[in-house]
PDB file of N, CA and C in Angstrom:
ATOM      1  N   MET A   1      -3.947   9.816 -41.593  1.00  0.00           N
ATOM      2  CA  MET A   1      -4.247  10.457 -40.117  1.00  0.00           C
ATOM      3  C   MET A   1      -4.964  10.213 -39.186  1.00  0.00           C
ATOM      4  N   ARG A   2      -6.098   9.967 -39.284  1.00  0.00           N
ATOM      5  CA  ARG A   2      -6.805   8.606 -38.580  1.00  0.00           C
ATOM      6  C   ARG A   2      -6.743   7.854 -37.740  1.00  0.00           C
ATOM      7  N   SER A   3      -5.203   7.119 -38.614  1.00  0.00           N
ATOM      8  CA  SER A   3      -5.192   5.816 -37.874  1.00  0.00           C
ATOM      9  C   SER A   3      -3.772   6.392 -36.774  1.00  0.00           C
ATOM     10  N   VAL A   4      -3.186   7.167 -37.239  1.00  0.00           N
ATOM     11  CA  VAL A   4      -2.233   7.655 -36.290  1.00  0.00           C
ATOM     12  C   VAL A   4      -2.657   7.880 -34.747  1.00  0.00           C
ATOM     13  N   ILE A   5      -4.008   9.134 -35.089  1.00  0.00           N
ATOM     14  CA  ILE A   5      -4.453   9.063 -33.617  1.00  0.00           C
ATOM     15  C   ILE A   5      -5.576   8.078 -33.075  1.00  0.00           C
ATOM     16  N   GLY A   6      -6.159   6.788 -34.016  1.00  0.00           N
ATOM     17  CA  GLY A   6      -6.628   5.947 -33.031  1.00  0.00           C
ATOM     18  C   GLY A   6      -5.248   4.833 -32.557  1.00  0.00           C
ATOM     19  N   LYS A   7      -4.210   4.825 -33.118  1.00  0.00           N
ATOM     20  CA  LYS A   7      -3.206   4.306 -32.854  1.00  0.00           C
ATOM     21  C   LYS A   7      -2.778   4.900 -31.327  1.00  0.00           C
ATOM     22  N   TRP A   8      -2.376   6.308 -31.190  1.00  0.00           N
ATOM     23  CA  TRP A   8      -2.228   6.445 -29.756  1.00  0.00           C
ATOM     24  C   TRP A   8      -3.311   7.065 -28.789  1.00  0.00           C
ATOM     25  N   LEU A   9      -4.551   7.070 -29.429  1.00  0.00           N
ATOM     26  CA  LEU A   9      -5.095   8.001 -28.425  1.00  0.00           C
ATOM     27  C   LEU A   9      -5.504   6.728 -27.610  1.00  0.00           C
ATOM     28  N   LEU A  10      -6.100   5.445 -27.618  1.00  0.00           N
ATOM     29  CA  LEU A  10      -6.370   4.652 -26.967  1.00  0.00           C
ATOM     30  C   LEU A  10      -5.882   3.890 -25.833  1.00  0.00           C
ATOM     31  N   PRO A  11      -3.892   4.115 -26.314  1.00  0.00           N
ATOM     32  CA  PRO A  11      -2.955   3.489 -25.301  1.00  0.00           C
ATOM     33  C   PRO A  11      -2.933   4.629 -24.081  1.00  0.00           C
ATOM     34  N   ALA A  12      -2.830   6.393 -24.920  1.00  0.00           N
ATOM     35  CA  ALA A  12      -2.607   7.123 -23.867  1.00  0.00           C
ATOM     36  C   ALA A  12      -4.025   7.444 -23.035  1.00  0.00           C
ATOM     37  N   CYS A  13      -5.364   6.717 -23.204  1.00  0.00           N
ATOM     38  CA  CYS A  13      -6.124   6.856 -22.440  1.00  0.00           C
ATOM     39  C   CYS A  13      -5.850   5.822 -21.343  1.00  0.00           C
ATOM     40  N   VAL A  14      -5.403   4.503 -22.030  1.00  0.00           N
ATOM     41  CA  VAL A  14      -5.320   3.491 -20.468  1.00  0.00           C
ATOM     42  C   VAL A  14      -4.517   3.869 -19.729  1.00  0.00           C
ATOM     43  N   LEU A  15      -3.328   4.940 -20.081  1.00  0.00           N
ATOM     44  CA  LEU A  15      -2.511   4.729 -19.246  1.00  0.00           C
ATOM     45  C   LEU A  15      -3.013   5.960 -18.054  1.00  0.00           C
ATOM     46  N   VAL A  16      -3.909   6.815 -18.931  1.00  0.00           N
ATOM     47  CA  VAL A  16      -4.261   8.162 -17.687  1.00  0.00           C
ATOM     48  C   VAL A  16      -5.098   7.495 -17.271  1.00  0.00           C
ATOM     49  N   LEU A  17      -5.793   6.195 -17.471  1.00  0.00           N
ATOM     50  CA  LEU A  17      -7.071   5.721 -16.589  1.00  0.00           C
ATOM     51  C   LEU A  17      -6.419   4.737 -15.652  1.00  0.00           C
ATOM     52  N   ALA A  18      -5.143   4.119 -15.624  1.00  0.00           N
ATOM     53  CA  ALA A  18      -4.651   3.418 -14.817  1.00  0.00           C
ATOM     54  C   ALA A  18      -3.519   4.164 -13.621  1.00  0.00           C
ATOM     55  N   GLY A  19      -3.206   5.352 -14.181  1.00  0.00           N
ATOM     56  CA  GLY A  19      -2.681   6.612 -13.079  1.00  0.00           C
ATOM     57  C   GLY A  19      -3.959   6.965 -11.913  1.00  0.00           C
ATOM     58  N   CYS A  20      -5.220   6.667 -12.121  1.00  0.00           N
ATOM     59  CA  CYS A  20      -6.061   7.370 -11.491  1.00  0.00           C
ATOM     60  C   CYS A  20      -6.774   6.183 -10.561  1.00  0.00           C
ATOM     61  N   GLY A  21      -6.646   5.886  -9.362  1.00  0.00           N
ATOM     62  CA  GLY A  21      -7.315   4.582  -8.813  1.00  0.00           C
ATOM     63  C   GLY A  21      -8.825   5.390  -8.248  1.00  0.00           C
ATOM     64  N   THR A  22      -9.786   4.438  -8.201  1.00  0.00           N
ATOM     65  CA  THR A  22     -10.581   4.420  -7.996  1.00  0.00           C
ATOM     66  C   THR A  22     -10.944   5.102  -6.011  1.00  0.00           C
ATOM     67  N   PRO A  23     -11.631   5.446  -5.568  1.00  0.00           N
ATOM     68  CA  PRO A  23     -11.077   5.559  -4.101  1.00  0.00           C
ATOM     69  C   PRO A  23     -11.466   4.271  -3.753  1.00  0.00           C
ATOM     70  N   GLU A  24     -12.585   3.396  -4.057  1.00  0.00           N
ATOM     71  CA  GLU A  24     -12.279   1.935  -3.413  1.00  0.00           C
ATOM     72  C   GLU A  24     -10.679   1.363  -3.128  1.00  0.00           C
ATOM     73  N   THR A  25     -10.185   1.533  -4.540  1.00  0.00           N
ATOM     74  CA  THR A  25      -8.886   1.014  -4.708  1.00  0.00           C
ATOM     75  C   THR A  25      -7.627   1.728  -3.597  1.00  0.00           C
ATOM     76  N   GLU A  26      -8.035   3.265  -4.011  1.00  0.00           N
ATOM     77  CA  GLU A  26      -6.967   4.024  -3.268  1.00  0.00           C
ATOM     78  C   GLU A  26      -7.059   4.007  -1.472  1.00  0.00           C
ATOM     79  N   CYS A  27      -8.505   3.484  -1.172  1.00  0.00           N
ATOM     80  CA  CYS A  27      -9.010   3.509   0.286  1.00  0.00           C
ATOM     81  C   CYS A  27      -7.676   2.207   0.746  1.00  0.00           C
ATOM     82  N   ARG A  28      -8.441   0.860   0.141  1.00  0.00           N
ATOM     83  CA  ARG A  28      -7.599  -0.416   0.137  1.00  0.00           C
ATOM     84  C   ARG A  28      -6.215  -0.602   0.310  1.00  0.00           C
ATOM     85  N   ASP A  29      -5.603   0.323  -0.486  1.00  0.00           N
ATOM     86  CA  ASP A  29      -4.105   0.444  -0.552  1.00  0.00           C
ATOM     87  C   ASP A  29      -3.899   1.194   0.482  1.00  0.00           C
ATOM     88  N   GLY A  30      -4.144   2.066   0.810  1.00  0.00           N
ATOM     89  CA  GLY A  30      -4.135   3.168   2.065  1.00  0.00           C
ATOM     90  C   GLY A  30      -4.091   2.330   3.229  1.00  0.00           C
ATOM     91  N   VAL A  31      -5.235   1.430   3.245  1.00  0.00           N
ATOM     92  CA  VAL A  31      -5.351   0.970   4.772  1.00  0.00           C
ATOM     93  C   VAL A  31      -4.547  -0.220   4.662  1.00  0.00           C
ATOM     94  N   LYS A  32      -3.889  -1.411   3.136  1.00  0.00           N
ATOM     95  CA  LYS A  32      -2.754  -2.190   3.830  1.00  0.00           C
ATOM     96  C   LYS A  32      -1.685  -1.120   4.045  1.00  0.00           C
ATOM     97  N   GLU A  33      -1.224   0.112   3.635  1.00  0.00           N
ATOM     98  CA  GLU A  33      -0.101   0.778   3.882  1.00  0.00           C
ATOM     99  C   GLU A  33       0.066   0.760   5.566  1.00  0.00           C
ATOM    100  N   MET A  34      -1.177   1.559   5.849  1.00  0.00           N
ATOM    101  CA  MET A  34      -1.435   2.202   7.395  1.00  0.00           C
ATOM    102  C   MET A  34      -0.805   1.073   8.189  1.00  0.00           C
ATOM    103  N   LYS A  35      -2.002   0.205   7.650  1.00  0.00           N
ATOM    104  CA  LYS A  35      -1.549  -1.275   8.870  1.00  0.00           C
ATOM    105  C   LYS A  35      -0.511  -2.190   8.962  1.00  0.00           C
ATOM    106  N   LYS A  36       0.276  -1.699   7.779  1.00  0.00           N
ATOM    107  CA  LYS A  36       2.174  -1.925   8.012  1.00  0.00           C
ATOM    108  C   LYS A  36       2.839  -1.242   8.258  1.00  0.00           C
ATOM    109  N   ARG A  37       2.548  -0.083   8.387  1.00  0.00           N
ATOM    110  CA  ARG A  37       3.223   1.279   8.876  1.00  0.00           C
ATOM    111  C   ARG A  37       3.083   1.053  10.262  1.00  0.00           C
ATOM    112  N   THR A  38       1.466   1.081  11.169  1.00  0.00           N
ATOM    113  CA  THR A  38       1.403   0.838  12.241  1.00  0.00           C
ATOM    114  C   THR A  38       1.556  -0.149  12.742  1.00  0.00           C
ATOM    115  N   SER A  39       2.271  -1.734  12.206  1.00  0.00           N
ATOM    116  CA  SER A  39       1.423  -2.737  12.319  1.00  0.00           C
ATOM    117  C   SER A  39       2.893  -2.626  14.014  1.00  0.00           C
ATOM    118  N   THR A  40       3.813  -2.442  14.309  1.00  0.00           N
ATOM    119  CA  THR A  40       4.582  -2.123  15.439  1.00  0.00           C
ATOM    120  C   THR A  40       4.629  -1.461  16.665  1.00  0.00           C
ATOM    121  N   LEU A  41       3.308  -0.607  16.139  1.00  0.00           N
ATOM    122  CA  LEU A  41       2.894   0.565  17.198  1.00  0.00           C
ATOM    123  C   LEU A  41       1.984   0.394  18.350  1.00  0.00           C
ATOM    124  N   VAL A  42       1.119  -1.165  18.112  1.00  0.00           N
ATOM    125  CA  VAL A  42       0.495  -1.370  19.316  1.00  0.00           C
ATOM    126  C   VAL A  42       1.082  -1.611  20.292  1.00  0.00           C
ATOM    127  N   GLY A  43       0.525  -1.203  21.605  1.00  0.00           N
ATOM    128  CA  GLY A  43       0.968  -1.585  22.894  1.00  0.00           C
ATOM    129  C   GLY A  43      -0.225  -0.775  23.470  1.00  0.00           C
ATOM    130  N   PHE A  44      -0.001  -0.521  24.792  1.00  0.00           N
ATOM    131  CA  PHE A  44      -1.111   0.209  25.970  1.00  0.00           C
ATOM    132  C   PHE A  44      -0.643   1.386  26.282  1.00  0.00           C
ATOM    133  N   ASP A  45       0.610   0.987  26.341  1.00  0.00           N
ATOM    134  CA  ASP A  45       1.965   2.562  27.007  1.00  0.00           C
ATOM    135  C   ASP A  45       2.195   3.587  25.500  1.00  0.00           C
ATOM    136  N   GLN A  46       1.633   3.861  24.551  1.00  0.00           N
ATOM    137  CA  GLN A  46       1.647   4.557  23.411  1.00  0.00           C
ATOM    138  C   GLN A  46       1.144   6.129  23.433  1.00  0.00           C
ATOM    139  N   PRO A  47       1.792   6.862  22.694  1.00  0.00           N
ATOM    140  CA  PRO A  47       1.566   8.440  23.166  1.00  0.00           C
ATOM    141  C   PRO A  47      -0.068   8.442  22.733  1.00  0.00           C
ATOM    142  N   ASP A  48      -0.777   9.847  23.274  1.00  0.00           N
ATOM    143  CA  ASP A  48      -2.030   9.736  22.206  1.00  0.00           C
ATOM    144  C   ASP A  48      -2.272   9.817  21.259  1.00  0.00           C
ATOM    145  N   ASP A  49      -0.958  10.493  20.033  1.00  0.00           N
ATOM    146  CA  ASP A  49      -1.277  10.835  18.785  1.00  0.00           C
ATOM    147  C   ASP A  49      -1.191   9.219  18.227  1.00  0.00           C
ATOM    148  N   VAL A  50      -0.364   8.275  18.826  1.00  0.00           N
ATOM    149  CA  VAL A  50      -0.637   7.314  18.057  1.00  0.00           C
ATOM    150  C   VAL A  50      -1.523   6.293  18.506  1.00  0.00           C
ATOM    151  N   LYS A  51      -2.185   6.377  19.389  1.00  0.00           N
ATOM    152  CA  LYS A  51      -3.204   5.836  19.919  1.00  0.00           C
ATOM    153  C   LYS A  51      -4.373   5.984  18.771  1.00  0.00           C
ATOM    154  N   ARG A  52      -4.624   7.587  18.853  1.00  0.00           N
ATOM    155  CA  ARG A  52      -5.349   8.027  17.689  1.00  0.00           C
ATOM    156  C   ARG A  52      -5.113   7.536  16.196  1.00  0.00           C
ATOM    157  N   ALA A  53      -4.098   7.723  16.284  1.00  0.00           N
ATOM    158  CA  ALA A  53      -4.110   7.383  14.446  1.00  0.00           C
ATOM    159  C   ALA A  53      -4.087   5.687  14.584  1.00  0.00           C
ATOM    160  N   LEU A  54      -3.748   4.609  15.626  1.00  0.00           N
ATOM    161  CA  LEU A  54      -4.429   3.529  15.261  1.00  0.00           C
ATOM    162  C   LEU A  54      -5.855   3.440  15.390  1.00  0.00           C
ATOM    163  N   GLU A  55      -6.665   4.203  16.335  1.00  0.00           N
ATOM    164  CA  GLU A  55      -7.861   4.388  15.968  1.00  0.00           C
ATOM    165  C   GLU A  55      -8.562   4.795  14.909  1.00  0.00           C
ATOM    166  N   GLU A  56      -8.012   5.559  14.073  1.00  0.00           N
ATOM    167  CA  GLU A  56      -8.264   6.005  12.597  1.00  0.00           C
ATOM    168  C   GLU A  56      -8.417   5.281  11.662  1.00  0.00           C
ATOM    169  N   VAL A  57      -7.128   3.880  11.326  1.00  0.00           N
ATOM    170  CA  VAL A  57      -6.613   3.212  10.692  1.00  0.00           C
ATOM    171  C   VAL A  57      -7.692   2.020  11.066  1.00  0.00           C
ATOM    172  N   ASN A  58      -8.652   1.441  12.582  1.00  0.00           N
ATOM    173  CA  ASN A  58      -9.253   0.665  12.518  1.00  0.00           C
ATOM    174  C   ASN A  58     -10.804   1.438  11.947  1.00  0.00           C
ATOM    175  N   ILE A  59     -10.877   2.361  11.882  1.00  0.00           N
ATOM    176  CA  ILE A  59     -11.939   3.384  11.541  1.00  0.00           C
ATOM    177  C   ILE A  59     -12.075   3.195   9.929  1.00  0.00           C
ATOM    178  N   ALA A  60     -10.740   3.481   9.405  1.00  0.00           N
ATOM    179  CA  ALA A  60     -11.326   3.288   7.806  1.00  0.00           C
ATOM    180  C   ALA A  60     -11.007   2.151   7.479  1.00  0.00           C
ATOM    181  N   GLU A  61     -10.727   0.957   8.318  1.00  0.00           N
ATOM    182  CA  GLU A  61     -10.526  -0.330   7.848  1.00  0.00           C
ATOM    183  C   GLU A  61     -12.258  -1.109   8.257  1.00  0.00           C
ATOM    184  N   THR A  62     -12.732  -0.475   8.802  1.00  0.00           N
ATOM    185  CA  THR A  62     -14.106  -0.310   9.209  1.00  0.00           C
ATOM    186  C   THR A  62     -14.934  -0.002   7.489  1.00  0.00           C
ATOM    187  N   GLN A  63     -14.914   1.688   7.570  1.00  0.00           N
ATOM    188  CA  GLN A  63     -15.288   2.056   5.950  1.00  0.00           C
ATOM    189  C   GLN A  63     -15.291   1.599   5.081  1.00  0.00           C
ATOM    190  N   LEU A  64     -13.957   0.609   5.328  1.00  0.00           N
ATOM    191  CA  LEU A  64     -13.767   0.331   3.461  1.00  0.00           C
ATOM    192  C   LEU A  64     -14.438  -1.311   3.455  1.00  0.00           C
ATOM    193  N   ALA A  65     -14.820  -1.902   4.691  1.00  0.00           N
ATOM    194  CA  ALA A  65     -15.869  -3.047   4.629  1.00  0.00           C
ATOM    195  C   ALA A  65     -16.697  -2.794   4.190  1.00  0.00           C
ATOM    196  N   THR A  66     -17.532  -1.668   4.683  1.00  0.00           N
ATOM    197  CA  THR A  66     -18.934  -0.919   4.127  1.00  0.00           C
ATOM    198  C   THR A  66     -18.803  -0.094   3.178  1.00  0.00           C
ATOM    199  N   GLY A  67     -18.035  -0.292   2.224  1.00  0.00           N
ATOM    200  CA  GLY A  67     -18.264   0.696   1.194  1.00  0.00           C
ATOM    201  C   GLY A  67     -18.296   2.237   1.160  1.00  0.00           C
ATOM    202  N   ASN A  68     -17.612   2.770   2.055  1.00  0.00           N
ATOM    203  CA  ASN A  68     -17.915   4.555   2.854  1.00  0.00           C
ATOM    204  C   ASN A  68     -16.498   4.615   2.435  1.00  0.00           C
ATOM    205  N   TYR A  69     -15.877   4.807   0.974  1.00  0.00           N
ATOM    206  CA  TYR A  69     -14.746   4.806   0.291  1.00  0.00           C
ATOM    207  C   TYR A  69     -13.756   6.454   0.571  1.00  0.00           C
ATOM    208  N   GLU A  70     -15.381   7.101   0.617  1.00  0.00           N
ATOM    209  CA  GLU A  70     -14.920   8.359   1.138  1.00  0.00           C
ATOM    210  C   GLU A  70     -14.729   8.940   2.410  1.00  0.00           C
ATOM    211  N   GLY A  71     -15.184   8.084   3.346  1.00  0.00           N
ATOM    212  CA  GLY A  71     -15.241   8.364   4.913  1.00  0.00           C
ATOM    213  C   GLY A  71     -13.678   7.526   5.083  1.00  0.00           C
ATOM    214  N   CYS A  72     -13.183   6.517   4.394  1.00  0.00           N
ATOM    215  CA  CYS A  72     -12.268   5.703   4.631  1.00  0.00           C
ATOM    216  C   CYS A  72     -10.528   6.952   4.220  1.00  0.00           C
ATOM    217  N   LEU A  73     -11.264   7.298   3.399  1.00  0.00           N
ATOM    218  CA  LEU A  73      -9.724   8.017   2.698  1.00  0.00           C
ATOM    219  C   LEU A  73      -9.919   9.248   3.930  1.00  0.00           C
ATOM    220  N   GLU A  74     -10.722   9.501   4.355  1.00  0.00           N
ATOM    221  CA  GLU A  74     -10.774  10.611   5.416  1.00  0.00           C
ATOM    222  C   GLU A  74      -9.658  10.496   6.693  1.00  0.00           C
ATOM    223  N   SER A  75      -9.915   8.939   7.469  1.00  0.00           N
ATOM    224  CA  SER A  75      -9.868   8.581   8.468  1.00  0.00           C
ATOM    225  C   SER A  75      -8.501   8.059   8.241  1.00  0.00           C
ATOM    226  N   LEU A  76      -8.027   7.421   6.657  1.00  0.00           N
ATOM    227  CA  LEU A  76      -6.407   7.782   6.646  1.00  0.00           C
ATOM    228  C   LEU A  76      -5.738   8.812   6.397  1.00  0.00           C
ATOM    229  N   GLY A  77      -6.247   9.939   5.675  1.00  0.00           N
ATOM    230  CA  GLY A  77      -5.329  11.008   6.016  1.00  0.00           C
ATOM    231  C   GLY A  77      -5.308  11.494   7.382  1.00  0.00           C
ATOM    232  N   GLU A  78      -6.352  11.358   8.748  1.00  0.00           N
ATOM    233  CA  GLU A  78      -6.630  11.818   9.899  1.00  0.00           C
ATOM    234  C   GLU A  78      -5.169  10.916  10.885  1.00  0.00           C
ATOM    235  N   ALA A  79      -5.267   9.646   9.903  1.00  0.00           N
ATOM    236  CA  ALA A  79      -4.298   8.575  10.858  1.00  0.00           C
ATOM    237  C   ALA A  79      -2.638   9.039  10.531  1.00  0.00           C
ATOM    238  N   ARG A  80      -2.479   9.682   9.246  1.00  0.00           N
ATOM    239  CA  ARG A  80      -1.300  10.173   8.863  1.00  0.00           C
ATOM    240  C   ARG A  80      -0.810  11.677   9.788  1.00  0.00           C
ATOM    241  N   THR A  81      -1.740  12.610   9.758  1.00  0.00           N
ATOM    242  CA  THR A  81      -1.469  13.431  10.175  1.00  0.00           C
ATOM    243  C   THR A  81      -1.519  12.890  11.570  1.00  0.00           C
ATOM    244  N   PHE A  82      -1.976  12.311  12.345  1.00  0.00           N
ATOM    245  CA  PHE A  82      -1.229  11.730  13.851  1.00  0.00           C
ATOM    246  C   PHE A  82      -0.175  10.869  13.539  1.00  0.00           C
ATOM    247  N   LEU A  83       0.294  10.381  12.973  1.00  0.00           N
ATOM    248  CA  LEU A  83       1.793   9.821  13.105  1.00  0.00           C
ATOM    249  C   LEU A  83       2.307  10.547  12.736  1.00  0.00           C
ATOM    250  N   ARG A  84       2.543  11.649  11.575  1.00  0.00           N
ATOM    251  CA  ARG A  84       3.463  12.960  11.670  1.00  0.00           C
ATOM    252  C   ARG A  84       3.549  13.537  13.207  1.00  0.00           C
ATOM    253  N   LYS A  85       2.445  14.017  14.191  1.00  0.00           N
ATOM    254  CA  LYS A  85       2.501  14.628  14.741  1.00  0.00           C
ATOM    255  C   LYS A  85       3.193  14.348  16.130  1.00  0.00           C
ATOM    256  N   SER A  86       2.742  12.479  15.858  1.00  0.00           N
ATOM    257  CA  SER A  86       4.048  11.658  17.262  1.00  0.00           C
ATOM    258  C   SER A  86       5.199  11.378  17.002  1.00  0.00           C
ATOM    259  N   GLN A  87       5.718  11.999  15.621  1.00  0.00           N
ATOM    260  CA  GLN A  87       7.196  11.788  15.143  1.00  0.00           C
ATOM    261  C   GLN A  87       7.479  13.070  15.450  1.00  0.00           C
ATOM    262  N   ARG A  88       7.104  14.431  15.490  1.00  0.00           N
ATOM    263  CA  ARG A  88       7.856  15.184  15.630  1.00  0.00           C
ATOM    264  C   ARG A  88       7.506  15.369  16.991  1.00  0.00           C
ATOM    265  N   THR A  89       6.365  14.714  17.558  1.00  0.00           N
ATOM    266  CA  THR A  89       6.720  15.192  19.222  1.00  0.00           C
ATOM    267  C   THR A  89       7.906  14.049  19.890  1.00  0.00           C
ATOM    268  N   ASN A  90       8.466  13.004  18.894  1.00  0.00           N
ATOM    269  CA  ASN A  90       9.236  12.159  19.848  1.00  0.00           C
ATOM    270  C   ASN A  90      10.673  12.788  19.022  1.00  0.00           C
ATOM    271  N   VAL A  91      10.622  13.669  17.999  1.00  0.00           N
ATOM    272  CA  VAL A  91      11.886  14.494  17.820  1.00  0.00           C
ATOM    273  C   VAL A  91      12.269  15.451  18.791  1.00  0.00           C
ATOM    274  N   GLN A  92      11.566  15.720  19.349  1.00  0.00           N
ATOM    275  CA  GLN A  92      12.036  17.332  20.240  1.00  0.00           C
ATOM    276  C   GLN A  92      11.895  16.949  21.524  1.00  0.00           C
TER     277      GLN A  92
END
């Protein structure tokens, strides 16, 4: 019985931990994803929501560099919110 539990317990724990990213990893991946998403949005005549989203991505990148991962994740959330707002405005 003990060998069966040991046989399955370690791989199960590894799978659970692999699914849980650290704040640093989430921040790094989020910045990379948002930089890719916003790479075509750079320009002077963008709507305010797009400008705010770009600012938040830049802030998140700075926070990543300084190790402020929680702040980075908050800024990424704000950037996503502003992008969603800009898309709703474009549809209307």
